[in-house]
Protein backbone atom coordinates (compact mmCIF):
# COMPACT_ATOMS: atom_id res chain seq x y z
CA MET A 1 -10.93 14.57 37.65
CA ASP A 2 -14.63 15.10 36.98
CA LYS A 3 -17.03 14.66 39.85
CA PRO A 4 -19.35 11.68 39.25
CA ARG A 5 -22.74 12.81 37.96
CA THR A 6 -25.57 12.33 40.40
CA TYR A 7 -29.33 12.69 40.13
CA VAL A 8 -30.85 16.04 41.12
CA GLY A 9 -33.84 14.46 42.86
CA ILE A 10 -37.34 13.95 41.51
CA ASP A 11 -38.52 17.22 43.04
CA GLU A 12 -35.80 19.13 41.16
CA ASP A 13 -36.05 17.13 37.93
CA MET A 14 -37.66 18.53 34.78
CA PHE A 15 -41.38 19.23 35.20
CA GLY A 16 -41.38 17.52 38.58
CA GLY A 17 -39.82 14.32 37.30
CA MET A 18 -41.35 13.73 33.87
CA THR A 19 -38.24 11.84 32.83
CA SER A 20 -37.42 8.17 32.65
CA THR A 21 -35.69 8.43 36.03
CA GLY A 22 -38.71 10.14 37.53
CA LYS A 23 -40.95 7.33 36.30
CA ILE A 24 -38.65 4.73 37.87
CA ILE A 25 -38.86 6.56 41.19
CA ARG A 26 -42.66 6.92 41.05
CA ASP A 27 -43.01 3.22 40.23
CA ALA A 28 -40.67 2.39 43.12
CA TRP A 29 -43.01 4.40 45.37
CA VAL A 30 -46.00 2.48 44.00
CA PHE A 31 -44.37 -0.85 44.83
CA GLU A 32 -43.07 0.52 48.16
CA LEU A 33 -39.48 -0.26 47.25
CA ILE A 34 -38.52 3.15 48.63
CA PRO A 35 -40.57 5.54 50.77
CA GLU A 36 -42.44 8.34 49.00
CA THR A 37 -40.19 10.79 50.86
CA GLU A 38 -37.14 9.42 48.99
CA THR A 39 -36.33 11.77 46.09
CA CYS A 40 -33.16 9.89 45.13
CA LYS A 41 -31.24 13.17 45.23
CA GLY A 42 -27.52 12.47 45.00
CA TRP A 43 -27.96 8.92 43.71
CA ASN A 44 -25.52 7.83 41.02
CA GLY A 45 -26.41 5.93 37.87
CA GLN A 46 -25.68 2.59 39.50
CA GLY A 47 -28.17 3.27 42.26
CA ILE A 48 -30.88 4.29 39.79
CA ASP A 49 -30.15 1.22 37.64
CA ALA A 50 -30.41 -1.06 40.69
CA LEU A 51 -33.76 0.53 41.55
CA LEU A 52 -34.92 0.03 37.96
CA GLN A 53 -34.11 -3.67 38.18
CA LYS A 54 -36.24 -3.98 41.34
CA VAL A 55 -39.09 -2.05 39.70
CA ASN A 56 -38.92 -4.31 36.64
CA VAL A 57 -39.17 -7.42 38.82
CA GLU A 58 -42.37 -6.02 40.34
CA TRP A 59 -43.89 -5.03 36.97
CA ASP A 60 -43.12 -8.48 35.57
CA LYS A 61 -45.45 -9.98 38.19
CA TYR A 62 -48.34 -8.11 36.52
CA GLY A 63 -47.36 -8.44 32.88
CA CYS A 64 -46.15 -4.83 32.91
CA MET A 65 -49.79 -3.68 32.81
CA VAL A 66 -51.39 -1.19 35.18
CA SER A 67 -54.76 -2.88 34.65
CA ARG A 68 -53.39 -6.10 36.16
CA LEU A 69 -52.25 -4.51 39.40
CA PRO A 70 -54.14 -5.57 42.53
CA LYS A 71 -56.64 -2.96 43.70
CA GLU A 72 -54.38 -1.46 46.38
CA LEU A 73 -51.41 -1.10 43.99
CA PHE A 74 -53.66 0.17 41.20
CA GLU A 75 -55.02 2.89 43.48
CA ARG A 76 -51.48 3.83 44.63
CA HIS A 77 -50.36 3.98 41.00
CA GLN A 78 -53.29 6.20 40.00
CA LYS A 79 -52.65 8.60 42.89
CA ILE A 80 -48.87 8.80 42.58
CA HIS A 81 -48.78 9.14 38.80
CA GLY A 82 -51.93 11.28 38.70
CA ASP A 83 -50.48 13.76 41.19
CA ALA A 84 -47.22 13.85 39.19
CA VAL A 85 -49.04 14.60 35.93
CA LYS A 86 -51.07 17.35 37.58
CA LYS A 87 -47.91 18.95 39.00
CA ALA A 88 -46.11 18.62 35.66
CA HIS A 89 -48.96 20.38 33.84
CA GLU A 90 -48.82 23.19 36.42
CA LEU A 91 -45.09 23.50 35.63
CA GLY A 92 -45.78 23.79 31.90
CA TRP A 93 -45.37 20.19 30.77
CA SER A 94 -47.43 19.54 27.64
CA GLY A 95 -47.86 15.81 28.24
CA GLU A 96 -46.97 14.90 24.67
CA PHE A 97 -43.90 12.94 25.73
CA GLU A 98 -41.60 12.35 28.65
CA THR A 99 -38.38 14.25 28.36
CA ASP A 100 -35.25 12.38 27.38
CA ASP A 101 -33.11 14.97 29.11
CA GLU A 102 -32.25 14.04 32.66
CA GLY A 103 -32.16 16.93 35.12
């Protein structure tokens, strides 16, 4: 029997998490659904999907637009995602697209 596939963790993901799963985790940090120390390493697909649903509920409150976030959340978003982009560039990410390949 195959072992269930689990997530490698945002810190081990491609280009520091420039994947759809990495974005879910960063958004969950923004909305404080999970602590910024949570990398989601070892989480299965169900756990990531459940987190996505919670993230979507939060985004829906603001019309899914960063510009509509309250100041505190906007600043958290800018820092968390800005730091991630900087790290990704340092790791060789071109920034043209997020990867479809999950790490």
